[in-house]
Amino acid sequence: MPDLRAPIITRLRQGTGVGWLRVAILLVLDSLMLSLTWIIANSWGTPVDSFELFWKSGQEPGFLLPILVLTFGILAASGLYGTDDKRRDYLTLVKSLTLAQIVLLIIAFLYDPDLKISRSTFLLAWVLSIIFVCTERLLIQLAIVSLRRQGAIRQRIFLLGDTADIEEARKLLDKTARFDVRGQAVLPSENNQESWVKILERVRQLRVSEVFVCSWEAVRAPIFLYWELMSSGISLRVLPIGLKIPSQWSEIKMIDGLTTIRFRSPPILGSDFWTKRFVDVVVAILILMLASPLFLLIALLIKIDSPGAIFYKQKRVGLKGRHFQVWKFRTMVVNADRLQKELEARNEMKDGVMFKMKNDPRITRVGKFLRRYSLDELPQIINVLVGEMSLVGPRPFPLRDVEKMSDHHFIRHEVLPGITGLWQVSGRSDLVDFEDVFRLDLTYIQNWSLTLDFQILLQTIKVVLRKEGAY
């Protein structure tokens, strides 16, 4: 299965090219109509010697190129190259073309105040641009509708929901003559993992571009569903048949009069992932260079304080449930893992998912100091550099802790684990309920941004210096 870190590769196979082709055709036809508009307006209107459409003296580009760029920019900003009904909003189209004409007049005056602007030329260009572009788009729409009624150029989709809602959705979608429903499935129960796997595999085999969810309240783990689809280049859209709608959405889209909702995903995917990864590598290299003397000093103190290795490596669970070795400075005695089994009864975490206890007898003298200031975590910079961890994210847990998690906790494994995170700056070891830890991790996943990462890093420094919740 494709990894979430590069979903754009798979998206190219699922109808994205058709969308780009539609936009390209609109741009070409709009440019032809606008070019024809200005050629006719310049011919019929009062001629202006310095007003050259194509080329000025000295092979400099004329006015037509900036006219097209400006007009396209305004049309795009108005959503007239989008995927919903707004693309066919002729009133908005008229307003946008009028605004483009006004902006052109202002720019022409500011660019060359001595230029005698031909009012008849600009007036003709305004009227003709509205007539030509609106007519062109109307003809395109009529041609598309005609082709779709014959079963061509329809978007391939899959329906998910309760039986009654799917039937109602089919009736609504059939009226638009826009979609080709390749398959449908009734939403399984939350715990029926085998059914979910079969449904998702079927969706991938049908090579649909979007999945429409008709019974949103029946989806128990929408983020999981979104990511599974996204990793295969398939979009998730909600068609609210009943009254219940998602508590999160990015935008409401009207498609041939139907209200649909685009689900908003936690954003650590695709280009966002690689942006975050780039920042991680740059910052990690800087930390490694600046902190190398501190690394040597800590290594020396550990060696003097107690027998054993300088570094401690433990198997943890990371992205997509993969196992990896996390690096830390050793803060416990050599046989700490064996001794933990004898101390399980003294675990201070309520649900027992994580093992935490104050005054842990396994911790060495130097280890206690390192833990107090979180210096034992510094070697995890190595994990960041090799791509197993991020600077900020949910903490990776040992296998012992993961085995005790509930199903809904595993969303933590859909992003790279981090050295620090919201949990660490919100109480750290003072939190004794794992659900509170999970809630903070989920909040981070759903609201990620580079700004949030930097805020957490700065807050981590503050928390560490104050020795808040560390033991």
Protein backbone atom coordinates (compact mmCIF):
# COMPACT_ATOMS: atom_id res chain seq x y z
CA MET A 1 0.00 0.00 0.00
CA PRO A 2 1.39 3.46 -0.86
CA ASP A 3 2.79 5.40 2.09
CA LEU A 4 0.99 8.49 3.33
CA ARG A 5 4.16 10.50 2.98
CA ALA A 6 3.85 10.65 -0.82
CA PRO A 7 0.14 10.52 -1.69
CA ILE A 8 0.50 12.87 -4.65
CA ILE A 9 2.03 10.03 -6.68
CA THR A 10 -1.14 7.98 -6.37
CA ARG A 11 -3.41 10.98 -6.85
CA LEU A 12 -2.10 11.37 -10.38
CA ARG A 13 -3.66 7.99 -11.23
CA GLN A 14 -7.13 8.82 -9.92
CA GLY A 15 -8.60 11.43 -12.23
CA THR A 16 -6.46 14.42 -11.27
CA GLY A 17 -5.26 14.64 -14.87
CA VAL A 18 -8.85 15.10 -16.06
CA GLY A 19 -9.27 18.07 -13.72
CA TRP A 20 -6.05 19.64 -14.94
CA LEU A 21 -7.10 19.07 -18.55
CA ARG A 22 -10.42 20.82 -17.91
CA VAL A 23 -8.65 23.83 -16.42
CA ALA A 24 -6.14 23.90 -19.29
CA ILE A 25 -8.94 23.84 -21.88
CA LEU A 26 -10.76 26.66 -20.11
CA LEU A 27 -7.57 28.73 -19.96
CA VAL A 28 -6.85 28.22 -23.67
CA LEU A 29 -10.41 29.04 -24.75
CA ASP A 30 -10.66 32.03 -22.38
CA SER A 31 -7.35 33.36 -23.70
CA LEU A 32 -8.55 33.00 -27.29
CA MET A 33 -11.81 34.84 -26.50
CA LEU A 34 -10.03 37.64 -24.65
CA SER A 35 -7.42 37.98 -27.38
CA LEU A 36 -10.19 38.19 -30.00
CA THR A 37 -11.96 40.72 -27.81
CA TRP A 38 -9.01 43.09 -27.71
CA ILE A 39 -8.14 42.65 -31.38
CA ILE A 40 -11.69 43.64 -32.40
CA ALA A 41 -11.89 46.43 -29.80
CA ASN A 42 -8.57 47.89 -30.93
CA SER A 43 -9.71 47.74 -34.56
CA TRP A 44 -13.20 49.18 -34.04
CA GLY A 45 -12.35 51.68 -31.32
CA THR A 46 -10.32 54.87 -31.55
CA PRO A 47 -6.75 53.81 -32.41
CA VAL A 48 -3.96 54.77 -30.00
CA ASP A 49 -0.44 54.81 -31.41
CA SER A 50 1.34 53.66 -28.25
CA PHE A 51 -1.25 50.99 -27.45
CA GLU A 52 0.32 47.87 -28.98
CA LEU A 53 -1.34 44.56 -28.21
CA PHE A 54 1.39 42.14 -29.24
CA TRP A 55 4.83 43.69 -29.55
CA LYS A 56 6.21 47.15 -28.90
CA SER A 57 9.35 48.57 -30.45
CA GLY A 58 12.48 46.77 -29.33
CA GLN A 59 10.69 43.40 -29.20
CA GLU A 60 9.08 44.20 -25.84
CA PRO A 61 5.80 42.41 -25.13
CA GLY A 62 2.68 44.45 -25.70
CA PHE A 63 -0.37 44.94 -23.52
CA LEU A 64 -2.12 41.64 -24.34
CA LEU A 65 0.07 39.42 -22.13
CA PRO A 66 -0.41 41.43 -18.90
CA ILE A 67 -4.13 41.80 -19.77
CA LEU A 68 -4.48 38.00 -19.94
CA VAL A 69 -2.43 37.37 -16.78
CA LEU A 70 -4.44 39.91 -14.77
CA THR A 71 -7.80 38.65 -16.04
CA PHE A 72 -6.92 35.01 -15.38
CA GLY A 73 -5.79 35.91 -11.87
CA ILE A 74 -9.09 37.60 -11.05
CA LEU A 75 -11.14 34.78 -12.59
CA ALA A 76 -9.18 32.16 -10.64
CA ALA A 77 -9.51 34.11 -7.38
CA SER A 78 -13.28 34.16 -7.96
CA GLY A 79 -13.36 30.35 -8.20
CA LEU A 80 -14.19 30.34 -11.91
CA TYR A 81 -11.65 27.58 -12.62
CA GLY A 82 -12.85 25.40 -9.73
CA THR A 83 -14.68 22.08 -9.66
CA ASP A 84 -18.08 23.08 -8.31
CA ASP A 85 -21.07 25.05 -9.60
CA LYS A 86 -19.27 28.35 -9.06
CA ARG A 87 -17.40 27.71 -12.30
CA ARG A 88 -20.71 28.27 -14.11
CA ASP A 89 -21.79 31.30 -12.08
CA TYR A 90 -22.27 33.78 -14.92
CA LEU A 91 -23.07 36.69 -12.62
CA THR A 92 -19.72 36.21 -10.87
CA LEU A 93 -18.08 35.88 -14.29
CA VAL A 94 -19.53 39.24 -15.41
CA LYS A 95 -18.42 40.89 -12.15
CA SER A 96 -14.90 39.45 -12.46
CA LEU A 97 -14.49 40.57 -16.07
CA THR A 98 -15.76 44.03 -15.11
CA LEU A 99 -13.31 44.20 -12.20
CA ALA A 100 -10.48 43.13 -14.50
CA GLN A 101 -11.37 45.95 -16.89
CA ILE A 102 -11.38 48.54 -14.07
CA VAL A 103 -8.02 47.33 -12.76
CA LEU A 104 -6.58 47.47 -16.30
CA LEU A 105 -7.66 51.11 -16.63
CA ILE A 106 -6.01 52.01 -13.32
CA ILE A 107 -2.79 50.16 -14.15
CA ALA A 108 -2.62 51.70 -17.64
CA PHE A 109 -2.94 55.19 -16.15
CA LEU A 110 -0.32 54.57 -13.45
CA TYR A 111 2.06 52.88 -15.90
CA ASP A 112 1.93 55.75 -18.41
CA PRO A 113 0.04 58.88 -17.23
CA ASP A 114 0.63 60.55 -20.60
CA LEU A 115 -1.09 57.72 -22.44
CA LYS A 116 -4.32 58.88 -24.03
CA ILE A 117 -6.58 55.98 -23.23
CA SER A 118 -9.22 55.29 -25.84
CA ARG A 119 -12.51 55.07 -23.96
CA SER A 120 -14.22 53.46 -26.92
CA THR A 121 -11.56 50.71 -27.08
CA PHE A 122 -11.89 49.86 -23.39
CA LEU A 123 -15.68 50.03 -23.48
CA LEU A 124 -15.82 47.72 -26.49
CA ALA A 125 -13.31 45.34 -24.84
CA TRP A 126 -15.46 45.20 -21.70
CA VAL A 127 -18.70 44.45 -23.55
CA LEU A 128 -17.13 41.97 -25.97
CA SER A 129 -15.21 40.12 -23.23
CA ILE A 130 -18.47 39.50 -21.36
CA ILE A 131 -20.26 38.34 -24.52
CA PHE A 132 -17.44 36.15 -25.84
CA VAL A 133 -16.34 34.50 -22.56
CA CYS A 134 -19.88 33.87 -21.30
CA THR A 135 -20.91 32.43 -24.69
CA GLU A 136 -17.80 30.23 -24.81
CA ARG A 137 -18.42 28.84 -21.33
CA LEU A 138 -22.10 28.27 -22.04
CA LEU A 139 -21.25 26.27 -25.17
CA ILE A 140 -18.68 24.24 -23.24
CA GLN A 141 -21.23 23.44 -20.56
CA LEU A 142 -23.86 22.41 -23.12
CA ALA A 143 -21.32 20.12 -24.80
CA ILE A 144 -20.34 18.56 -21.44
CA VAL A 145 -23.98 17.99 -20.45
CA SER A 146 -24.68 16.37 -23.82
CA LEU A 147 -21.68 14.03 -23.47
CA ARG A 148 -22.59 13.09 -19.91
CA ARG A 149 -26.13 12.22 -20.89
CA GLN A 150 -24.58 9.75 -23.31
CA GLY A 151 -22.55 8.24 -20.45
CA ALA A 152 -19.21 9.86 -21.32
CA ILE A 153 -16.74 11.86 -19.17
CA ARG A 154 -18.50 10.96 -15.94
CA GLN A 155 -16.64 10.92 -12.64
CA ARG A 156 -16.19 7.45 -11.18
CA ILE A 157 -17.32 7.27 -7.56
CA PHE A 158 -18.10 4.77 -4.81
CA LEU A 159 -20.93 5.08 -2.26
CA LEU A 160 -20.64 4.25 1.45
CA GLY A 161 -23.51 4.38 3.92
CA ASP A 162 -26.66 2.72 5.16
CA THR A 163 -28.80 0.95 2.56
CA ALA A 164 -31.63 3.53 2.65
CA ASP A 165 -29.21 6.47 2.41
CA ILE A 166 -27.34 4.89 -0.52
CA GLU A 167 -30.58 4.48 -2.48
CA GLU A 168 -31.53 8.10 -1.81
CA ALA A 169 -28.04 9.22 -2.83
CA ARG A 170 -28.25 7.27 -6.09
CA LYS A 171 -31.49 9.04 -7.00
CA LEU A 172 -29.97 12.47 -6.33
CA LEU A 173 -26.74 11.70 -8.20
CA ASP A 174 -28.55 10.20 -11.19
CA LYS A 175 -30.36 13.51 -11.71
CA THR A 176 -27.04 15.30 -12.20
CA ALA A 177 -25.87 12.88 -14.94
CA ARG A 178 -22.38 13.67 -13.74
CA PHE A 179 -21.29 10.59 -11.82
CA ASP A 180 -20.65 6.96 -12.67
CA VAL A 181 -21.37 4.97 -9.52
CA ARG A 182 -18.97 2.05 -9.82
CA GLY A 183 -19.90 0.39 -6.55
CA GLN A 184 -21.44 0.72 -3.13
CA ALA A 185 -21.10 -0.82 0.31
CA VAL A 186 -22.89 -0.70 3.62
CA LEU A 187 -20.73 0.73 6.39
CA PRO A 188 -19.54 -2.09 8.68
CA SER A 189 -19.36 -1.81 12.45
CA GLU A 190 -16.36 -0.14 14.01
CA ASN A 191 -14.82 -3.38 15.22
CA ASN A 192 -15.32 -5.30 11.97
CA GLN A 193 -11.83 -4.66 10.67
CA GLU A 194 -11.97 -7.45 8.11
CA SER A 195 -14.99 -5.89 6.38
CA TRP A 196 -13.28 -2.50 6.27
CA VAL A 197 -10.21 -4.03 4.64
CA LYS A 198 -12.35 -5.73 1.98
CA ILE A 199 -14.29 -2.52 1.23
CA LEU A 200 -11.13 -0.43 0.89
CA GLU A 201 -9.52 -3.04 -1.34
CA ARG A 202 -12.60 -3.07 -3.56
CA VAL A 203 -12.57 0.74 -3.78
CA ARG A 204 -8.93 0.67 -4.91
CA GLN A 205 -9.59 -2.04 -7.51
CA LEU A 206 -12.47 -0.04 -9.03
CA ARG A 207 -10.08 2.93 -9.48
CA VAL A 208 -12.66 5.52 -8.49
CA SER A 209 -11.62 9.13 -7.94
CA GLU A 210 -13.90 9.85 -4.97
CA VAL A 211 -15.82 8.06 -2.25
CA PHE A 212 -19.15 9.59 -1.24
CA VAL A 213 -20.22 8.91 2.35
CA CYS A 214 -24.00 9.10 2.70
CA SER A 215 -24.35 8.18 6.39
CA TRP A 216 -21.75 10.28 8.19
CA GLU A 217 -22.94 9.40 11.68
CA ALA A 218 -22.12 5.74 10.97
CA VAL A 219 -18.43 6.50 10.35
CA ARG A 220 -16.70 5.88 13.66
CA ALA A 221 -13.14 6.75 12.58
CA PRO A 222 -13.34 9.34 9.78
CA ILE A 223 -9.65 10.27 9.94
CA PHE A 224 -8.61 6.65 9.44
CA LEU A 225 -10.99 6.38 6.48
CA TYR A 226 -9.68 9.60 4.96
CA TRP A 227 -6.05 8.54 5.26
CA GLU A 228 -6.67 5.09 3.84
CA LEU A 229 -8.35 6.66 0.82
CA MET A 230 -5.81 9.46 0.53
CA SER A 231 -2.94 6.98 0.44
CA SER A 232 -4.53 5.55 -2.72
CA GLY A 233 -5.20 8.93 -4.30
CA ILE A 234 -8.95 8.86 -3.60
CA SER A 235 -10.84 11.87 -2.23
CA LEU A 236 -13.50 11.69 0.48
CA ARG A 237 -16.71 13.67 0.07
CA VAL A 238 -19.78 13.73 2.30
CA LEU A 239 -23.28 13.80 0.83
CA PRO A 240 -25.47 14.73 3.82
CA ILE A 241 -28.68 12.77 3.21
CA GLY A 242 -29.86 13.16 6.82
CA LEU A 243 -29.41 16.05 9.22
CA LYS A 244 -26.07 14.97 10.66
CA ILE A 245 -22.95 16.43 9.05
CA PRO A 246 -19.24 16.29 9.93
CA SER A 247 -18.03 18.49 12.74
CA GLN A 248 -15.01 19.24 10.56
CA TRP A 249 -14.95 20.17 6.89
CA SER A 250 -12.79 22.31 4.65
CA GLU A 251 -15.44 23.67 2.35
CA ILE A 252 -18.98 23.21 1.16
CA LYS A 253 -19.23 22.47 -2.56
CA MET A 254 -22.32 22.70 -4.72
CA ILE A 255 -22.40 20.14 -7.54
CA ASP A 256 -25.31 20.59 -9.94
CA GLY A 257 -27.41 21.88 -7.07
CA LEU A 258 -26.35 19.18 -4.59
CA THR A 259 -24.69 20.22 -1.34
CA THR A 260 -21.53 18.23 -0.67
CA ILE A 261 -18.89 18.61 2.01
CA ARG A 262 -15.18 18.03 1.50
CA PHE A 263 -13.75 16.39 4.61
CA ARG A 264 -10.78 18.22 6.07
CA SER A 265 -7.90 15.93 6.91
CA PRO A 266 -5.16 16.47 9.42
CA PRO A 267 -2.62 18.11 7.15
CA ILE A 268 0.61 16.14 7.75
CA LEU A 269 0.50 14.57 4.28
CA GLY A 270 2.25 14.94 0.94
CA SER A 271 3.99 18.31 0.55
CA ASP A 272 3.19 19.20 4.17
CA PHE A 273 5.05 16.09 5.30
CA TRP A 274 8.12 16.90 3.24
CA THR A 275 8.13 20.54 4.39
CA LYS A 276 8.03 19.34 7.99
CA ARG A 277 10.73 16.77 7.20
CA PHE A 278 13.01 19.44 5.64
CA VAL A 279 12.71 21.63 8.74
CA ASP A 280 13.39 18.60 10.96
CA VAL A 281 16.62 17.75 9.15
CA VAL A 282 17.93 21.34 9.11
CA VAL A 283 17.18 21.93 12.81
CA ALA A 284 18.50 18.49 13.79
CA ILE A 285 21.83 19.15 12.04
CA LEU A 286 22.15 22.50 13.81
CA ILE A 287 21.41 20.92 17.20
CA LEU A 288 23.89 18.13 16.56
CA MET A 289 26.63 20.62 15.65
CA LEU A 290 25.99 22.97 18.59
CA ALA A 291 25.40 20.26 21.21
CA SER A 292 28.30 17.93 20.31
CA PRO A 293 30.44 19.09 23.31
CA LEU A 294 27.47 18.41 25.61
CA PHE A 295 27.10 14.93 24.07
CA LEU A 296 30.71 14.14 24.97
CA LEU A 297 30.35 15.45 28.53
CA ILE A 298 27.16 13.41 29.18
CA ALA A 299 28.78 10.28 27.73
CA LEU A 300 31.73 10.70 30.10
CA LEU A 301 29.49 11.21 33.16
CA ILE A 302 27.39 8.12 32.36
CA LYS A 303 30.51 5.98 32.00
CA ILE A 304 31.89 7.19 35.34
CA ASP A 305 28.58 6.87 37.22
CA SER A 306 27.60 3.23 36.49
CA PRO A 307 28.74 0.22 34.48
CA GLY A 308 27.12 -0.38 31.10
CA ALA A 309 26.73 1.19 27.68
CA ILE A 310 26.47 4.95 27.14
CA PHE A 311 23.44 4.70 24.89
CA TYR A 312 20.23 2.78 25.47
CA LYS A 313 18.27 1.48 22.50
CA GLN A 314 14.70 0.29 22.79
CA LYS A 315 12.26 -1.02 20.20
CA ARG A 316 9.41 1.48 19.68
CA VAL A 317 6.40 1.69 17.35
CA GLY A 318 6.48 4.48 14.75
CA LEU A 319 4.83 5.54 11.51
CA LYS A 320 2.30 3.00 10.15
CA GLY A 321 3.07 0.70 13.10
CA ARG A 322 6.65 0.07 11.98
CA HIS A 323 9.16 -0.92 14.65
CA PHE A 324 12.42 0.99 15.07
CA GLN A 325 15.17 1.43 17.64
CA VAL A 326 14.94 4.69 19.58
CA TRP A 327 18.23 6.14 20.88
CA LYS A 328 18.59 7.60 24.38
CA PHE A 329 21.36 8.24 26.88
CA ARG A 330 21.23 5.41 29.41
CA THR A 331 19.59 6.63 32.63
CA MET A 332 18.91 3.27 34.30
CA VAL A 333 20.82 0.27 35.48
CA VAL A 334 21.70 -2.36 32.89
CA ASN A 335 18.94 -4.84 33.84
CA ALA A 336 16.16 -2.21 33.97
CA ASP A 337 13.84 -4.02 31.54
CA ARG A 338 13.84 -7.17 33.67
CA LEU A 339 13.24 -5.20 36.86
CA GLN A 340 10.22 -3.42 35.34
CA LYS A 341 8.16 -6.61 35.49
CA GLU A 342 8.66 -6.65 39.24
CA LEU A 343 7.54 -3.01 39.51
CA GLU A 344 4.38 -3.21 37.37
CA ALA A 345 2.15 -3.23 40.48
CA ARG A 346 3.48 0.25 41.36
CA ASN A 347 2.60 1.75 37.97
CA GLU A 348 1.02 5.19 38.52
CA MET A 349 -0.80 5.38 35.15
CA LYS A 350 -4.51 4.71 35.72
CA ASP A 351 -5.16 2.48 32.72
CA GLY A 352 -1.74 0.84 32.68
CA VAL A 353 -1.03 1.70 29.04
CA MET A 354 2.22 3.46 29.95
CA PHE A 355 4.57 2.66 32.83
CA LYS A 356 5.36 5.67 35.02
CA MET A 357 6.41 5.88 38.65
CA LYS A 358 8.14 8.46 40.78
CA ASN A 359 11.35 7.50 42.59
CA ASP A 360 11.96 4.62 40.17
CA PRO A 361 14.76 2.60 41.85
CA ARG A 362 16.24 1.64 38.49
CA ILE A 363 17.32 5.21 37.67
CA THR A 364 21.01 6.08 38.23
CA ARG A 365 22.29 9.30 39.83
CA VAL A 366 23.36 10.83 36.52
CA GLY A 367 20.20 9.42 34.93
CA LYS A 368 18.01 11.30 37.40
CA PHE A 369 19.70 14.58 36.40
CA LEU A 370 19.43 13.79 32.69
CA ARG A 371 15.72 12.95 33.00
CA ARG A 372 15.02 16.08 35.03
CA TYR A 373 16.22 18.23 32.12
CA SER A 374 15.23 15.74 29.37
CA LEU A 375 18.84 15.53 28.24
CA ASP A 376 18.50 11.76 27.87
CA GLU A 377 16.35 12.40 24.77
CA LEU A 378 19.10 14.23 22.84
CA PRO A 379 20.40 11.14 20.92
CA GLN A 380 16.98 10.88 19.28
CA ILE A 381 18.31 13.56 16.92
CA ILE A 382 19.83 10.52 15.17
CA ASN A 383 16.35 9.02 14.74
CA VAL A 384 15.19 12.33 13.27
CA LEU A 385 18.04 12.44 10.75
CA VAL A 386 17.37 8.91 9.50
CA GLY A 387 13.64 9.63 9.11
CA GLU A 388 12.27 7.48 11.94
CA MET A 389 11.14 10.42 14.06
CA SER A 390 10.29 14.11 13.87
CA LEU A 391 11.25 16.88 16.26
CA VAL A 392 7.57 17.35 17.18
CA GLY A 393 4.87 14.69 17.21
CA PRO A 394 3.26 11.99 19.36
CA ARG A 395 5.81 10.17 21.47
CA PRO A 396 6.70 6.65 20.25
CA PHE A 397 5.78 4.00 22.81
CA PRO A 398 7.46 0.66 23.60
CA LEU A 399 5.79 -2.56 22.43
CA ARG A 400 4.59 -3.22 25.98
CA ASP A 401 2.54 0.01 25.98
CA VAL A 402 1.21 -0.40 22.44
CA GLU A 403 -0.12 -3.86 23.19
CA LYS A 404 -2.41 -2.34 25.84
CA MET A 405 -3.84 0.39 23.60
CA SER A 406 -7.42 0.45 22.32
CA ASP A 407 -8.22 0.53 18.60
CA HIS A 408 -8.91 4.27 18.49
CA HIS A 409 -5.44 5.02 19.90
CA PHE A 410 -3.67 3.71 16.79
CA ILE A 411 -4.28 6.91 14.86
CA ARG A 412 -1.11 8.09 16.62
CA HIS A 413 0.82 5.79 14.30
CA GLU A 414 -0.38 7.60 11.17
CA VAL A 415 2.21 10.37 11.65
CA LEU A 416 5.91 10.37 12.46
CA PRO A 417 6.51 10.17 16.23
CA GLY A 418 8.30 13.11 17.82
CA ILE A 419 10.92 13.90 20.43
CA THR A 420 8.51 16.40 21.99
CA GLY A 421 4.84 17.25 21.58
CA LEU A 422 1.75 18.73 23.19
CA TRP A 423 1.86 16.05 25.89
CA GLN A 424 5.39 17.04 26.92
CA VAL A 425 4.51 20.75 27.23
CA SER A 426 1.18 20.10 28.98
CA GLY A 427 2.27 18.36 32.14
CA ARG A 428 4.45 15.48 30.90
CA SER A 429 4.64 12.89 33.66
CA ASP A 430 2.01 14.72 35.76
CA LEU A 431 -0.63 13.32 33.38
CA VAL A 432 -1.76 9.98 34.81
CA ASP A 433 -4.61 9.17 32.39
CA PHE A 434 -3.57 7.91 28.96
CA GLU A 435 -6.78 9.24 27.41
CA ASP A 436 -5.56 12.75 28.30
CA VAL A 437 -2.29 11.98 26.55
CA PHE A 438 -4.13 10.64 23.52
CA ARG A 439 -6.43 13.68 23.41
CA LEU A 440 -3.40 16.00 23.27
CA ASP A 441 -1.79 13.92 20.52
CA LEU A 442 -5.00 13.96 18.47
CA THR A 443 -5.30 17.73 18.93
CA TYR A 444 -1.79 18.12 17.53
CA ILE A 445 -2.49 15.85 14.56
CA GLN A 446 -5.70 17.68 13.65
CA ASN A 447 -4.22 21.17 13.98
CA TRP A 448 -0.66 20.72 12.73
CA SER A 449 1.25 23.64 11.25
CA LEU A 450 4.90 24.68 11.18
CA THR A 451 3.97 27.55 13.49
CA LEU A 452 2.54 25.06 16.00
CA ASP A 453 5.74 22.99 15.78
CA PHE A 454 7.91 26.01 16.58
CA GLN A 455 5.60 27.02 19.43
CA ILE A 456 5.89 23.53 20.94
CA LEU A 457 9.70 23.56 20.56
CA LEU A 458 9.96 26.92 22.33
CA GLN A 459 7.51 25.79 25.02
CA THR A 460 9.54 22.58 25.46
CA ILE A 461 12.65 24.62 26.30
CA LYS A 462 10.64 26.58 28.87
CA VAL A 463 9.16 23.42 30.43
CA VAL A 464 12.53 21.67 30.58
CA LEU A 465 14.24 24.61 32.27
CA ARG A 466 11.46 24.74 34.85
CA LYS A 467 11.66 20.94 35.34
CA GLU A 468 7.87 20.69 35.09
CA GLY A 469 6.43 17.17 35.39
CA ALA A 470 9.71 15.38 34.75
CA TYR A 471 10.91 12.31 36.67
